[in-house]
PDB file of N, CA and C in Angstrom:
ATOM      1  N   MET A   1     -22.594 -46.785 -22.217  1.00  0.00           N
ATOM      2  CA  MET A   1     -22.159 -45.402 -22.297  1.00  0.00           C
ATOM      3  C   MET A   1     -23.276 -44.569 -22.874  1.00  0.00           C
ATOM      4  N   ALA A   2     -23.522 -43.425 -22.298  1.00  0.00           N
ATOM      5  CA  ALA A   2     -24.615 -42.566 -22.738  1.00  0.00           C
ATOM      6  C   ALA A   2     -24.240 -41.871 -24.024  1.00  0.00           C
ATOM      7  N   LYS A   3     -25.262 -41.590 -24.833  1.00  0.00           N
ATOM      8  CA  LYS A   3     -25.035 -40.850 -26.068  1.00  0.00           C
ATOM      9  C   LYS A   3     -24.626 -39.418 -25.764  1.00  0.00           C
ATOM     10  N   GLY A   4     -23.872 -38.841 -26.654  1.00  0.00           N
ATOM     11  CA  GLY A   4     -23.496 -37.443 -26.525  1.00  0.00           C
ATOM     12  C   GLY A   4     -22.147 -37.248 -25.859  1.00  0.00           C
ATOM     13  N   GLY A   5     -21.601 -38.258 -25.225  1.00  0.00           N
ATOM     14  CA  GLY A   5     -20.271 -38.169 -24.646  1.00  0.00           C
ATOM     15  C   GLY A   5     -20.237 -37.349 -23.358  1.00  0.00           C
ATOM     16  N   PHE A   6     -19.055 -37.079 -22.913  1.00  0.00           N
ATOM     17  CA  PHE A   6     -18.805 -36.361 -21.667  1.00  0.00           C
ATOM     18  C   PHE A   6     -18.965 -34.863 -21.891  1.00  0.00           C
ATOM     19  N   ARG A   7     -19.756 -34.192 -21.065  1.00  0.00           N
ATOM     20  CA  ARG A   7     -20.042 -32.775 -21.271  1.00  0.00           C
ATOM     21  C   ARG A   7     -19.264 -31.848 -20.347  1.00  0.00           C
ATOM     22  N   GLY A   8     -18.627 -32.328 -19.341  1.00  0.00           N
ATOM     23  CA  GLY A   8     -17.894 -31.468 -18.419  1.00  0.00           C
ATOM     24  C   GLY A   8     -16.451 -31.324 -18.867  1.00  0.00           C
ATOM     25  N   GLY A   9     -15.587 -30.983 -17.928  1.00  0.00           N
ATOM     26  CA  GLY A   9     -14.154 -30.959 -18.201  1.00  0.00           C
ATOM     27  C   GLY A   9     -13.698 -29.764 -18.998  1.00  0.00           C
ATOM     28  N   PHE A  10     -12.576 -29.922 -19.662  1.00  0.00           N
ATOM     29  CA  PHE A  10     -11.961 -28.837 -20.417  1.00  0.00           C
ATOM     30  C   PHE A  10     -12.751 -28.541 -21.671  1.00  0.00           C
ATOM     31  N   GLY A  11     -12.994 -27.291 -21.916  1.00  0.00           N
ATOM     32  CA  GLY A  11     -13.681 -26.875 -23.130  1.00  0.00           C
ATOM     33  C   GLY A  11     -15.167 -27.154 -23.107  1.00  0.00           C
ATOM     34  N   GLY A  12     -15.673 -27.680 -22.012  1.00  0.00           N
ATOM     35  CA  GLY A  12     -17.081 -28.007 -21.929  1.00  0.00           C
ATOM     36  C   GLY A  12     -17.907 -26.880 -21.339  1.00  0.00           C
ATOM     37  N   GLY A  13     -17.310 -25.724 -21.134  1.00  0.00           N
ATOM     38  CA  GLY A  13     -18.055 -24.592 -20.616  1.00  0.00           C
ATOM     39  C   GLY A  13     -17.915 -24.416 -19.119  1.00  0.00           C
ATOM     40  N   GLY A  14     -17.274 -25.353 -18.438  1.00  0.00           N
ATOM     41  CA  GLY A  14     -17.154 -25.251 -16.997  1.00  0.00           C
ATOM     42  C   GLY A  14     -15.913 -24.502 -16.539  1.00  0.00           C
ATOM     43  N   GLY A  15     -14.944 -24.315 -17.409  1.00  0.00           N
ATOM     44  CA  GLY A  15     -13.689 -23.684 -17.015  1.00  0.00           C
ATOM     45  C   GLY A  15     -13.656 -22.206 -17.341  1.00  0.00           C
ATOM     46  N   MET A  16     -12.524 -21.590 -17.062  1.00  0.00           N
ATOM     47  CA  MET A  16     -12.337 -20.171 -17.333  1.00  0.00           C
ATOM     48  C   MET A  16     -11.949 -20.016 -18.801  1.00  0.00           C
ATOM     49  N   ASN A  17     -12.558 -19.050 -19.472  1.00  0.00           N
ATOM     50  CA  ASN A  17     -12.204 -18.861 -20.875  1.00  0.00           C
ATOM     51  C   ASN A  17     -10.920 -18.059 -21.012  1.00  0.00           C
ATOM     52  N   LEU A  18     -10.332 -18.106 -22.186  1.00  0.00           N
ATOM     53  CA  LEU A  18      -9.048 -17.465 -22.440  1.00  0.00           C
ATOM     54  C   LEU A  18      -9.123 -15.955 -22.229  1.00  0.00           C
ATOM     55  N   GLY A  19     -10.229 -15.339 -22.622  1.00  0.00           N
ATOM     56  CA  GLY A  19     -10.384 -13.888 -22.443  1.00  0.00           C
ATOM     57  C   GLY A  19     -10.349 -13.489 -20.985  1.00  0.00           C
ATOM     58  N   ALA A  20     -10.999 -14.267 -20.138  1.00  0.00           N
ATOM     59  CA  ALA A  20     -11.008 -13.971 -18.704  1.00  0.00           C
ATOM     60  C   ALA A  20      -9.619 -14.161 -18.105  1.00  0.00           C
ATOM     61  N   MET A  21      -8.899 -15.173 -18.570  1.00  0.00           N
ATOM     62  CA  MET A  21      -7.542 -15.402 -18.067  1.00  0.00           C
ATOM     63  C   MET A  21      -6.621 -14.250 -18.455  1.00  0.00           C
ATOM     64  N   LYS A  22      -6.741 -13.777 -19.677  1.00  0.00           N
ATOM     65  CA  LYS A  22      -5.921 -12.648 -20.125  1.00  0.00           C
ATOM     66  C   LYS A  22      -6.254 -11.389 -19.335  1.00  0.00           C
ATOM     67  N   LYS A  23      -7.536 -11.199 -19.057  1.00  0.00           N
ATOM     68  CA  LYS A  23      -7.956 -10.033 -18.279  1.00  0.00           C
ATOM     69  C   LYS A  23      -7.385 -10.102 -16.868  1.00  0.00           C
ATOM     70  N   MET A  24      -7.389 -11.273 -16.272  1.00  0.00           N
ATOM     71  CA  MET A  24      -6.831 -11.435 -14.928  1.00  0.00           C
ATOM     72  C   MET A  24      -5.321 -11.198 -14.931  1.00  0.00           C
ATOM     73  N   GLN A  25      -4.632 -11.688 -15.959  1.00  0.00           N
ATOM     74  CA  GLN A  25      -3.191 -11.467 -16.062  1.00  0.00           C
ATOM     75  C   GLN A  25      -2.890  -9.980 -16.201  1.00  0.00           C
ATOM     76  N   GLN A  26      -3.676  -9.269 -17.000  1.00  0.00           N
ATOM     77  CA  GLN A  26      -3.468  -7.835 -17.182  1.00  0.00           C
ATOM     78  C   GLN A  26      -3.719  -7.093 -15.874  1.00  0.00           C
ATOM     79  N   MET A  27      -4.770  -7.499 -15.152  1.00  0.00           N
ATOM     80  CA  MET A  27      -5.075  -6.866 -13.874  1.00  0.00           C
ATOM     81  C   MET A  27      -3.925  -7.109 -12.890  1.00  0.00           C
ATOM     82  N   GLN A  28      -3.355  -8.309 -12.880  1.00  0.00           N
ATOM     83  CA  GLN A  28      -2.241  -8.607 -11.997  1.00  0.00           C
ATOM     84  C   GLN A  28      -1.031  -7.740 -12.349  1.00  0.00           C
ATOM     85  N   GLN A  29      -0.758  -7.584 -13.642  1.00  0.00           N
ATOM     86  CA  GLN A  29       0.353  -6.734 -14.077  1.00  0.00           C
ATOM     87  C   GLN A  29       0.117  -5.288 -13.670  1.00  0.00           C
ATOM     88  N   ASP A  30      -1.118  -4.811 -13.823  1.00  0.00           N
ATOM     89  CA  ASP A  30      -1.456  -3.439 -13.438  1.00  0.00           C
ATOM     90  C   ASP A  30      -1.293  -3.240 -11.931  1.00  0.00           C
ATOM     91  N   MET A  31      -1.700  -4.239 -11.143  1.00  0.00           N
ATOM     92  CA  MET A  31      -1.561  -4.146  -9.691  1.00  0.00           C
ATOM     93  C   MET A  31      -0.081  -4.097  -9.290  1.00  0.00           C
ATOM     94  N   MET A  32       0.727  -4.905  -9.936  1.00  0.00           N
ATOM     95  CA  MET A  32       2.158  -4.920  -9.623  1.00  0.00           C
ATOM     96  C   MET A  32       2.799  -3.583  -9.997  1.00  0.00           C
ATOM     97  N   LYS A  33       2.375  -3.005 -11.113  1.00  0.00           N
ATOM     98  CA  LYS A  33       2.904  -1.710 -11.536  1.00  0.00           C
ATOM     99  C   LYS A  33       2.513  -0.626 -10.534  1.00  0.00           C
ATOM    100  N   MET A  34       1.248  -0.628 -10.120  1.00  0.00           N
ATOM    101  CA  MET A  34       0.772   0.363  -9.146  1.00  0.00           C
ATOM    102  C   MET A  34       1.525   0.215  -7.835  1.00  0.00           C
ATOM    103  N   GLN A  35       1.739  -1.024  -7.388  1.00  0.00           N
ATOM    104  CA  GLN A  35       2.455  -1.263  -6.139  1.00  0.00           C
ATOM    105  C   GLN A  35       3.883  -0.731  -6.242  1.00  0.00           C
ATOM    106  N   ALA A  36       4.535  -0.967  -7.360  1.00  0.00           N
ATOM    107  CA  ALA A  36       5.903  -0.467  -7.547  1.00  0.00           C
ATOM    108  C   ALA A  36       5.924   1.058  -7.543  1.00  0.00           C
ATOM    109  N   GLU A  37       4.904   1.680  -8.144  1.00  0.00           N
ATOM    110  CA  GLU A  37       4.842   3.146  -8.160  1.00  0.00           C
ATOM    111  C   GLU A  37       4.688   3.708  -6.751  1.00  0.00           C
ATOM    112  N   VAL A  38       3.832   3.093  -5.937  1.00  0.00           N
ATOM    113  CA  VAL A  38       3.650   3.561  -4.556  1.00  0.00           C
ATOM    114  C   VAL A  38       4.933   3.347  -3.761  1.00  0.00           C
ATOM    115  N   GLU A  39       5.609   2.228  -3.985  1.00  0.00           N
ATOM    116  CA  GLU A  39       6.841   1.952  -3.253  1.00  0.00           C
ATOM    117  C   GLU A  39       7.931   2.971  -3.569  1.00  0.00           C
ATOM    118  N   GLU A  40       7.886   3.592  -4.747  1.00  0.00           N
ATOM    119  CA  GLU A  40       8.873   4.599  -5.134  1.00  0.00           C
ATOM    120  C   GLU A  40       8.563   5.986  -4.562  1.00  0.00           C
ATOM    121  N   ARG A  41       7.333   6.188  -4.109  1.00  0.00           N
ATOM    122  CA  ARG A  41       6.937   7.496  -3.590  1.00  0.00           C
ATOM    123  C   ARG A  41       7.461   7.717  -2.176  1.00  0.00           C
ATOM    124  N   GLU A  42       7.448   8.977  -1.770  1.00  0.00           N
ATOM    125  CA  GLU A  42       7.795   9.351  -0.405  1.00  0.00           C
ATOM    126  C   GLU A  42       6.596  10.040   0.229  1.00  0.00           C
ATOM    127  N   PHE A  43       6.436   9.838   1.531  1.00  0.00           N
ATOM    128  CA  PHE A  43       5.328  10.409   2.280  1.00  0.00           C
ATOM    129  C   PHE A  43       5.906  11.143   3.480  1.00  0.00           C
ATOM    130  N   THR A  44       5.500  12.399   3.640  1.00  0.00           N
ATOM    131  CA  THR A  44       6.034  13.231   4.712  1.00  0.00           C
ATOM    132  C   THR A  44       4.898  13.698   5.605  1.00  0.00           C
ATOM    133  N   ALA A  45       5.152  13.655   6.903  1.00  0.00           N
ATOM    134  CA  ALA A  45       4.177  14.138   7.872  1.00  0.00           C
ATOM    135  C   ALA A  45       4.924  14.930   8.940  1.00  0.00           C
ATOM    136  N   THR A  46       4.201  15.878   9.535  1.00  0.00           N
ATOM    137  CA  THR A  46       4.772  16.670  10.627  1.00  0.00           C
ATOM    138  C   THR A  46       3.939  16.458  11.879  1.00  0.00           C
ATOM    139  N   ALA A  47       4.547  16.752  13.008  1.00  0.00           N
ATOM    140  CA  ALA A  47       3.845  16.674  14.286  1.00  0.00           C
ATOM    141  C   ALA A  47       4.385  17.786  15.173  1.00  0.00           C
ATOM    142  N   GLY A  48       3.623  18.108  16.204  1.00  0.00           N
ATOM    143  CA  GLY A  48       4.051  19.146  17.133  1.00  0.00           C
ATOM    144  C   GLY A  48       4.129  20.511  16.486  1.00  0.00           C
ATOM    145  N   GLY A  49       3.171  20.807  15.611  1.00  0.00           N
ATOM    146  CA  GLY A  49       3.153  22.112  14.955  1.00  0.00           C
ATOM    147  C   GLY A  49       4.347  22.323  14.029  1.00  0.00           C
ATOM    148  N   GLY A  50       4.845  21.237  13.437  1.00  0.00           N
ATOM    149  CA  GLY A  50       5.980  21.337  12.529  1.00  0.00           C
ATOM    150  C   GLY A  50       7.320  21.142  13.218  1.00  0.00           C
ATOM    151  N   MET A  51       7.289  20.869  14.508  1.00  0.00           N
ATOM    152  CA  MET A  51       8.519  20.689  15.273  1.00  0.00           C
ATOM    153  C   MET A  51       9.286  19.447  14.788  1.00  0.00           C
ATOM    154  N   VAL A  52       8.550  18.414  14.368  1.00  0.00           N
ATOM    155  CA  VAL A  52       9.160  17.174  13.889  1.00  0.00           C
ATOM    156  C   VAL A  52       8.580  16.854  12.520  1.00  0.00           C
ATOM    157  N   LYS A  53       9.457  16.484  11.603  1.00  0.00           N
ATOM    158  CA  LYS A  53       9.051  16.134  10.240  1.00  0.00           C
ATOM    159  C   LYS A  53       9.669  14.779   9.898  1.00  0.00           C
ATOM    160  N   ALA A  54       8.824  13.815   9.494  1.00  0.00           N
ATOM    161  CA  ALA A  54       9.292  12.477   9.150  1.00  0.00           C
ATOM    162  C   ALA A  54       8.928  12.174   7.705  1.00  0.00           C
ATOM    163  N   THR A  55       9.856  11.556   6.999  1.00  0.00           N
ATOM    164  CA  THR A  55       9.607  11.136   5.615  1.00  0.00           C
ATOM    165  C   THR A  55       9.867   9.636   5.530  1.00  0.00           C
ATOM    166  N   VAL A  56       8.884   8.914   4.983  1.00  0.00           N
ATOM    167  CA  VAL A  56       9.016   7.471   4.782  1.00  0.00           C
ATOM    168  C   VAL A  56       8.826   7.170   3.306  1.00  0.00           C
ATOM    169  N   THR A  57       9.281   5.995   2.901  1.00  0.00           N
ATOM    170  CA  THR A  57       9.072   5.547   1.531  1.00  0.00           C
ATOM    171  C   THR A  57       7.813   4.698   1.470  1.00  0.00           C
ATOM    172  N   GLY A  58       7.367   4.445   0.266  1.00  0.00           N
ATOM    173  CA  GLY A  58       6.224   3.555   0.070  1.00  0.00           C
ATOM    174  C   GLY A  58       6.522   2.128   0.492  1.00  0.00           C
ATOM    175  N   LYS A  59       7.786   1.833   0.705  1.00  0.00           N
ATOM    176  CA  LYS A  59       8.182   0.516   1.217  1.00  0.00           C
ATOM    177  C   LYS A  59       8.120   0.489   2.737  1.00  0.00           C
ATOM    178  N   ARG A  60       7.611   1.580   3.321  1.00  0.00           N
ATOM    179  CA  ARG A  60       7.432   1.718   4.760  1.00  0.00           C
ATOM    180  C   ARG A  60       8.762   1.727   5.506  1.00  0.00           C
ATOM    181  N   GLU A  61       9.705   2.487   4.967  1.00  0.00           N
ATOM    182  CA  GLU A  61      10.998   2.667   5.617  1.00  0.00           C
ATOM    183  C   GLU A  61      11.194   4.143   5.909  1.00  0.00           C
ATOM    184  N   LEU A  62      11.693   4.454   7.099  1.00  0.00           N
ATOM    185  CA  LEU A  62      11.974   5.829   7.465  1.00  0.00           C
ATOM    186  C   LEU A  62      13.163   6.309   6.644  1.00  0.00           C
ATOM    187  N   LYS A  63      12.963   7.389   5.899  1.00  0.00           N
ATOM    188  CA  LYS A  63      14.028   7.917   5.053  1.00  0.00           C
ATOM    189  C   LYS A  63      14.742   9.087   5.712  1.00  0.00           C
ATOM    190  N   SER A  64      13.970   9.982   6.306  1.00  0.00           N
ATOM    191  CA  SER A  64      14.596  11.118   6.974  1.00  0.00           C
ATOM    192  C   SER A  64      13.742  11.585   8.135  1.00  0.00           C
ATOM    193  N   LEU A  65      14.410  12.249   9.041  1.00  0.00           N
ATOM    194  CA  LEU A  65      13.757  12.774  10.227  1.00  0.00           C
ATOM    195  C   LEU A  65      14.396  14.123  10.537  1.00  0.00           C
ATOM    196  N   GLU A  66      13.558  15.145  10.677  1.00  0.00           N
ATOM    197  CA  GLU A  66      14.045  16.485  10.995  1.00  0.00           C
ATOM    198  C   GLU A  66      13.386  16.939  12.290  1.00  0.00           C
ATOM    199  N   ILE A  67      14.206  17.471  13.180  1.00  0.00           N
ATOM    200  CA  ILE A  67      13.708  17.987  14.453  1.00  0.00           C
ATOM    201  C   ILE A  67      14.158  19.435  14.566  1.00  0.00           C
ATOM    202  N   ASP A  68      13.209  20.309  14.845  1.00  0.00           N
ATOM    203  CA  ASP A  68      13.522  21.726  15.029  1.00  0.00           C
ATOM    204  C   ASP A  68      14.478  21.860  16.208  1.00  0.00           C
ATOM    205  N   PRO A  69      15.640  22.494  15.997  1.00  0.00           N
ATOM    206  CA  PRO A  69      16.622  22.616  17.085  1.00  0.00           C
ATOM    207  C   PRO A  69      16.053  23.255  18.350  1.00  0.00           C
ATOM    208  N   GLU A  70      15.052  24.092  18.220  1.00  0.00           N
ATOM    209  CA  GLU A  70      14.463  24.719  19.397  1.00  0.00           C
ATOM    210  C   GLU A  70      13.728  23.715  20.281  1.00  0.00           C
ATOM    211  N   ALA A  71      13.409  22.555  19.724  1.00  0.00           N
ATOM    212  CA  ALA A  71      12.697  21.533  20.491  1.00  0.00           C
ATOM    213  C   ALA A  71      13.645  20.636  21.273  1.00  0.00           C
ATOM    214  N   LEU A  72      14.932  20.828  21.125  1.00  0.00           N
ATOM    215  CA  LEU A  72      15.900  19.917  21.717  1.00  0.00           C
ATOM    216  C   LEU A  72      16.457  20.408  23.055  1.00  0.00           C
ATOM    217  N   THR A  73      15.593  20.734  23.950  1.00  0.00           N
ATOM    218  CA  THR A  73      16.026  21.068  25.303  1.00  0.00           C
ATOM    219  C   THR A  73      15.874  19.819  26.167  1.00  0.00           C
ATOM    220  N   PRO A  74      16.738  19.624  27.147  1.00  0.00           N
ATOM    221  CA  PRO A  74      16.664  18.422  27.984  1.00  0.00           C
ATOM    222  C   PRO A  74      15.305  18.241  28.662  1.00  0.00           C
ATOM    223  N   GLU A  75      14.661  19.338  29.023  1.00  0.00           N
ATOM    224  CA  GLU A  75      13.363  19.244  29.698  1.00  0.00           C
ATOM    225  C   GLU A  75      12.279  18.688  28.776  1.00  0.00           C
ATOM    226  N   ASP A  76      12.449  18.874  27.475  1.00  0.00           N
ATOM    227  CA  ASP A  76      11.424  18.467  26.517  1.00  0.00           C
ATOM    228  C   ASP A  76      11.730  17.146  25.822  1.00  0.00           C
ATOM    229  N   ALA A  77      12.707  16.408  26.284  1.00  0.00           N
ATOM    230  CA  ALA A  77      13.142  15.184  25.607  1.00  0.00           C
ATOM    231  C   ALA A  77      12.000  14.180  25.421  1.00  0.00           C
ATOM    232  N   GLU A  78      11.212  13.953  26.453  1.00  0.00           N
ATOM    233  CA  GLU A  78      10.122  12.976  26.353  1.00  0.00           C
ATOM    234  C   GLU A  78       9.080  13.434  25.341  1.00  0.00           C
ATOM    235  N   MET A  79       8.735  14.725  25.377  1.00  0.00           N
ATOM    236  CA  MET A  79       7.763  15.254  24.426  1.00  0.00           C
ATOM    237  C   MET A  79       8.287  15.128  22.990  1.00  0.00           C
ATOM    238  N   VAL A  80       9.570  15.395  22.785  1.00  0.00           N
ATOM    239  CA  VAL A  80      10.152  15.285  21.447  1.00  0.00           C
ATOM    240  C   VAL A  80      10.077  13.843  20.962  1.00  0.00           C
ATOM    241  N   CYS A  81      10.396  12.893  21.821  1.00  0.00           N
ATOM    242  CA  CYS A  81      10.307  11.477  21.438  1.00  0.00           C
ATOM    243  C   CYS A  81       8.882  11.104  21.040  1.00  0.00           C
ATOM    244  N   ASP A  82       7.909  11.535  21.824  1.00  0.00           N
ATOM    245  CA  ASP A  82       6.506  11.246  21.505  1.00  0.00           C
ATOM    246  C   ASP A  82       6.111  11.887  20.175  1.00  0.00           C
ATOM    247  N   THR A  83       6.608  13.081  19.925  1.00  0.00           N
ATOM    248  CA  THR A  83       6.283  13.783  18.687  1.00  0.00           C
ATOM    249  C   THR A  83       6.925  13.095  17.491  1.00  0.00           C
ATOM    250  N   VAL A  84       8.134  12.580  17.652  1.00  0.00           N
ATOM    251  CA  VAL A  84       8.798  11.824  16.579  1.00  0.00           C
ATOM    252  C   VAL A  84       7.972  10.592  16.233  1.00  0.00           C
ATOM    253  N   VAL A  85       7.551   9.869  17.242  1.00  0.00           N
ATOM    254  CA  VAL A  85       6.736   8.679  17.009  1.00  0.00           C
ATOM    255  C   VAL A  85       5.459   9.053  16.257  1.00  0.00           C
ATOM    256  N   ALA A  86       4.804  10.129  16.653  1.00  0.00           N
ATOM    257  CA  ALA A  86       3.570  10.563  15.997  1.00  0.00           C
ATOM    258  C   ALA A  86       3.815  10.909  14.530  1.00  0.00           C
ATOM    259  N   ALA A  87       4.890  11.619  14.235  1.00  0.00           N
ATOM    260  CA  ALA A  87       5.178  12.007  12.854  1.00  0.00           C
ATOM    261  C   ALA A  87       5.499  10.790  11.995  1.00  0.00           C
ATOM    262  N   VAL A  88       6.303   9.879  12.512  1.00  0.00           N
ATOM    263  CA  VAL A  88       6.658   8.674  11.752  1.00  0.00           C
ATOM    264  C   VAL A  88       5.416   7.822  11.501  1.00  0.00           C
ATOM    265  N   ASN A  89       4.605   7.628  12.535  1.00  0.00           N
ATOM    266  CA  ASN A  89       3.402   6.813  12.362  1.00  0.00           C
ATOM    267  C   ASN A  89       2.436   7.434  11.352  1.00  0.00           C
ATOM    268  N   GLU A  90       2.303   8.741  11.349  1.00  0.00           N
ATOM    269  CA  GLU A  90       1.414   9.392  10.379  1.00  0.00           C
ATOM    270  C   GLU A  90       1.949   9.227   8.960  1.00  0.00           C
ATOM    271  N   ALA A  91       3.243   9.372   8.770  1.00  0.00           N
ATOM    272  CA  ALA A  91       3.820   9.179   7.439  1.00  0.00           C
ATOM    273  C   ALA A  91       3.638   7.736   6.975  1.00  0.00           C
ATOM    274  N   LEU A  92       3.787   6.780   7.881  1.00  0.00           N
ATOM    275  CA  LEU A  92       3.561   5.372   7.534  1.00  0.00           C
ATOM    276  C   LEU A  92       2.101   5.119   7.184  1.00  0.00           C
ATOM    277  N   ARG A  93       1.170   5.765   7.905  1.00  0.00           N
ATOM    278  CA  ARG A  93      -0.255   5.625   7.578  1.00  0.00           C
ATOM    279  C   ARG A  93      -0.540   6.162   6.182  1.00  0.00           C
ATOM    280  N   GLN A  94       0.106   7.260   5.812  1.00  0.00           N
ATOM    281  CA  GLN A  94      -0.080   7.817   4.469  1.00  0.00           C
ATOM    282  C   GLN A  94       0.380   6.822   3.401  1.00  0.00           C
ATOM    283  N   ALA A  95       1.526   6.190   3.628  1.00  0.00           N
ATOM    284  CA  ALA A  95       2.042   5.206   2.677  1.00  0.00           C
ATOM    285  C   ALA A  95       1.097   4.015   2.579  1.00  0.00           C
ATOM    286  N   GLU A  96       0.620   3.531   3.712  1.00  0.00           N
ATOM    287  CA  GLU A  96      -0.310   2.401   3.737  1.00  0.00           C
ATOM    288  C   GLU A  96      -1.615   2.760   3.038  1.00  0.00           C
ATOM    289  N   SER A  97      -2.113   3.956   3.288  1.00  0.00           N
ATOM    290  CA  SER A  97      -3.354   4.408   2.663  1.00  0.00           C
ATOM    291  C   SER A  97      -3.212   4.487   1.147  1.00  0.00           C
ATOM    292  N   ALA A  98      -2.071   4.991   0.682  1.00  0.00           N
ATOM    293  CA  ALA A  98      -1.848   5.076  -0.767  1.00  0.00           C
ATOM    294  C   ALA A  98      -1.827   3.689  -1.388  1.00  0.00           C
ATOM    295  N   MET A  99      -1.215   2.728  -0.710  1.00  0.00           N
ATOM    296  CA  MET A  99      -1.178   1.361  -1.225  1.00  0.00           C
ATOM    297  C   MET A  99      -2.582   0.769  -1.236  1.00  0.00           C
ATOM    298  N   ASN A 100      -3.331   0.960  -0.163  1.00  0.00           N
ATOM    299  CA  ASN A 100      -4.700   0.438  -0.101  1.00  0.00           C
ATOM    300  C   ASN A 100      -5.596   1.073  -1.152  1.00  0.00           C
ATOM    301  N   ASP A 101      -5.458   2.392  -1.352  1.00  0.00           N
ATOM    302  CA  ASP A 101      -6.264   3.076  -2.368  1.00  0.00           C
ATOM    303  C   ASP A 101      -5.954   2.531  -3.754  1.00  0.00           C
ATOM    304  N   GLY A 102      -4.690   2.294  -4.026  1.00  0.00           N
ATOM    305  CA  GLY A 102      -4.306   1.742  -5.322  1.00  0.00           C
ATOM    306  C   GLY A 102      -4.846   0.343  -5.523  1.00  0.00           C
ATOM    307  N   MET A 103      -4.762  -0.485  -4.507  1.00  0.00           N
ATOM    308  CA  MET A 103      -5.262  -1.857  -4.615  1.00  0.00           C
ATOM    309  C   MET A 103      -6.782  -1.880  -4.749  1.00  0.00           C
ATOM    310  N   ALA A 104      -7.467  -0.943  -4.104  1.00  0.00           N
ATOM    311  CA  ALA A 104      -8.930  -0.905  -4.165  1.00  0.00           C
ATOM    312  C   ALA A 104      -9.417  -0.684  -5.598  1.00  0.00           C
ATOM    313  N   LYS A 105      -8.626  -0.012  -6.407  1.00  0.00           N
ATOM    314  CA  LYS A 105      -9.004   0.191  -7.807  1.00  0.00           C
ATOM    315  C   LYS A 105      -9.126  -1.140  -8.542  1.00  0.00           C
ATOM    316  N   PHE A 106      -8.324  -2.120  -8.110  1.00  0.00           N
ATOM    317  CA  PHE A 106      -8.315  -3.408  -8.787  1.00  0.00           C
ATOM    318  C   PHE A 106      -9.240  -4.423  -8.146  1.00  0.00           C
ATOM    319  N   THR A 107      -9.495  -4.287  -6.857  1.00  0.00           N
ATOM    320  CA  THR A 107     -10.293  -5.276  -6.156  1.00  0.00           C
ATOM    321  C   THR A 107     -11.744  -4.850  -5.979  1.00  0.00           C
ATOM    322  N   GLY A 108     -12.062  -3.650  -6.449  1.00  0.00           N
ATOM    323  CA  GLY A 108     -13.432  -3.179  -6.312  1.00  0.00           C
ATOM    324  C   GLY A 108     -13.824  -2.935  -4.872  1.00  0.00           C
ATOM    325  N   GLY A 109     -12.848  -2.660  -4.008  1.00  0.00           N
ATOM    326  CA  GLY A 109     -13.136  -2.379  -2.613  1.00  0.00           C
ATOM    327  C   GLY A 109     -13.166  -3.609  -1.725  1.00  0.00           C
ATOM    328  N   LEU A 110     -12.983  -4.801  -2.305  1.00  0.00           N
ATOM    329  CA  LEU A 110     -12.946  -6.015  -1.481  1.00  0.00           C
ATOM    330  C   LEU A 110     -11.677  -6.024  -0.660  1.00  0.00           C
ATOM    331  N   ASN A 111     -11.754  -6.434   0.578  1.00  0.00           N
ATOM    332  CA  ASN A 111     -10.574  -6.527   1.417  1.00  0.00           C
ATOM    333  C   ASN A 111      -9.953  -7.900   1.217  1.00  0.00           C
ATOM    334  N   LEU A 112      -8.884  -7.948   0.419  1.00  0.00           N
ATOM    335  CA  LEU A 112      -8.234  -9.219   0.122  1.00  0.00           C
ATOM    336  C   LEU A 112      -6.912  -9.365   0.867  1.00  0.00           C
ATOM    337  N   GLY A 113      -6.696  -8.527   1.867  1.00  0.00           N
ATOM    338  CA  GLY A 113      -5.500  -8.630   2.669  1.00  0.00           C
ATOM    339  C   GLY A 113      -4.306  -7.876   2.136  1.00  0.00           C
ATOM    340  N   PHE A 114      -4.499  -6.972   1.189  1.00  0.00           N
ATOM    341  CA  PHE A 114      -3.379  -6.185   0.632  1.00  0.00           C
ATOM    342  C   PHE A 114      -3.101  -5.004   1.491  1.00  0.00           C
TER     343      PHE A 114
END
């Protein structure tokens, strides 16, 4: 057996120190708090010059949809449907962007799949 004993393993300098573990735990708690805050927010977008207004939650759920009654003529049905889709998708993009912006604060801009 060599003198000096085993130098690797636990406490030998190769593992993560307690301070780094606490920092990671705090960062995880902060990320979870930020995610919960974004999920509680609402995001609203309009399309068709304000003809359609969609509101989604940070959980990416459609909460409300408003259509200007003047847009509800039978001849314009297809256009109204397309405009609804555009408004909902834009509101969802806003929610996704807010979540990504919040996560970027913690990941330093690395794309970790959040």
